[in-house]
Structures are given as C-alpha cells and as structure tokens.
Amino acid sequence: MLMGASIVSVAWIAFWPWAQLKRLREIEGSTAAGADAESTPSP
C-alpha cells in the first residue's frame, strides 16, 4: 500500500504542472484572440 501511495504521489507531481501549463496556454490563447478582435476596427 505504501508503494502504491508513493507511485501515485510521483505521478501527481509529474502530472500537475503539465495540467496547469495546458490551462495557462488556453487562457493566454483566449485573451490573445480577444485582444486581436478588439484591436481590429469593425466596418
């Protein structure tokens, strides 16, 4: 049981930063797309 807990812990430490990075890129992409839409003049 201790070995399983340590494996899960290591997997979590490896997985969590990648999940946060993906979320950050999605947020940056949506804000960049919104900024581009705002900077272009509408006809």
C-alpha atoms as a PDB file:
ATOM      1  CA  MET A   1       0.000   0.000   0.000  1.00  0.00           C
ATOM      2  CA  LEU A   2       2.867   2.364   0.762  1.00  0.00           C
ATOM      3  CA  MET A   3       4.427   1.668  -2.620  1.00  0.00           C
ATOM      4  CA  GLY A   4       1.138   2.440  -4.380  1.00  0.00           C
ATOM      5  CA  ALA A   5       0.823   5.711  -2.499  1.00  0.00           C
ATOM      6  CA  SER A   6       4.352   6.740  -3.468  1.00  0.00           C
ATOM      7  CA  ILE A   7       3.708   5.893  -7.129  1.00  0.00           C
ATOM      8  CA  VAL A   8       0.530   7.979  -7.097  1.00  0.00           C
ATOM      9  CA  SER A   9       2.396  10.821  -5.408  1.00  0.00           C
ATOM     10  CA  VAL A  10       5.157  10.842  -8.018  1.00  0.00           C
ATOM     11  CA  ALA A  11       2.594  10.621 -10.829  1.00  0.00           C
ATOM     12  CA  TRP A  12       0.674  13.572  -9.336  1.00  0.00           C
ATOM     13  CA  ILE A  13       3.824  15.683  -9.041  1.00  0.00           C
ATOM     14  CA  ALA A  14       4.632  14.914 -12.693  1.00  0.00           C
ATOM     15  CA  PHE A  15       1.052  15.453 -13.936  1.00  0.00           C
ATOM     16  CA  TRP A  16       0.021  18.625 -12.086  1.00  0.00           C
ATOM     17  CA  PRO A  17       2.463  21.099 -13.733  1.00  0.00           C
ATOM     18  CA  TRP A  18       1.518  19.859 -17.214  1.00  0.00           C
ATOM     19  CA  ALA A  19      -2.183  20.324 -16.466  1.00  0.00           C
ATOM     20  CA  GLN A  20      -1.546  23.856 -15.194  1.00  0.00           C
ATOM     21  CA  LEU A  21       0.590  24.680 -18.226  1.00  0.00           C
ATOM     22  CA  LYS A  22      -2.138  23.490 -20.585  1.00  0.00           C
ATOM     23  CA  ARG A  23      -4.708  25.598 -18.731  1.00  0.00           C
ATOM     24  CA  LEU A  24      -2.430  28.643 -18.832  1.00  0.00           C
ATOM     25  CA  ARG A  25      -1.934  28.274 -22.589  1.00  0.00           C
ATOM     26  CA  GLU A  26      -5.701  28.052 -23.116  1.00  0.00           C
ATOM     27  CA  ILE A  27      -6.221  31.222 -21.070  1.00  0.00           C
ATOM     28  CA  GLU A  28      -3.445  33.054 -22.927  1.00  0.00           C
ATOM     29  CA  GLY A  29      -4.845  31.907 -26.274  1.00  0.00           C
ATOM     30  CA  SER A  30      -8.321  33.147 -25.479  1.00  0.00           C
ATOM     31  CA  THR A  31      -7.074  36.510 -24.203  1.00  0.00           C
ATOM     32  CA  ALA A  32      -4.816  36.930 -27.229  1.00  0.00           C
ATOM     33  CA  ALA A  33      -7.723  36.153 -29.558  1.00  0.00           C
ATOM     34  CA  GLY A  34      -9.903  38.649 -27.685  1.00  0.00           C
ATOM     35  CA  ALA A  35      -7.210  41.332 -27.883  1.00  0.00           C
ATOM     36  CA  ASP A  36      -6.833  40.759 -31.636  1.00  0.00           C
ATOM     37  CA  ALA A  37     -10.592  41.067 -32.124  1.00  0.00           C
ATOM     38  CA  GLU A  38     -10.659  44.309 -30.125  1.00  0.00           C
ATOM     39  CA  SER A  39      -7.715  45.886 -31.982  1.00  0.00           C
ATOM     40  CA  THR A  40      -9.188  45.316 -35.456  1.00  0.00           C
ATOM     41  CA  PRO A  41     -11.630  48.057 -36.469  1.00  0.00           C
ATOM     42  CA  SER A  42     -15.115  46.903 -37.317  1.00  0.00           C
ATOM     43  CA  PRO A  43     -16.665  48.180 -40.554  1.00  0.00           C
END
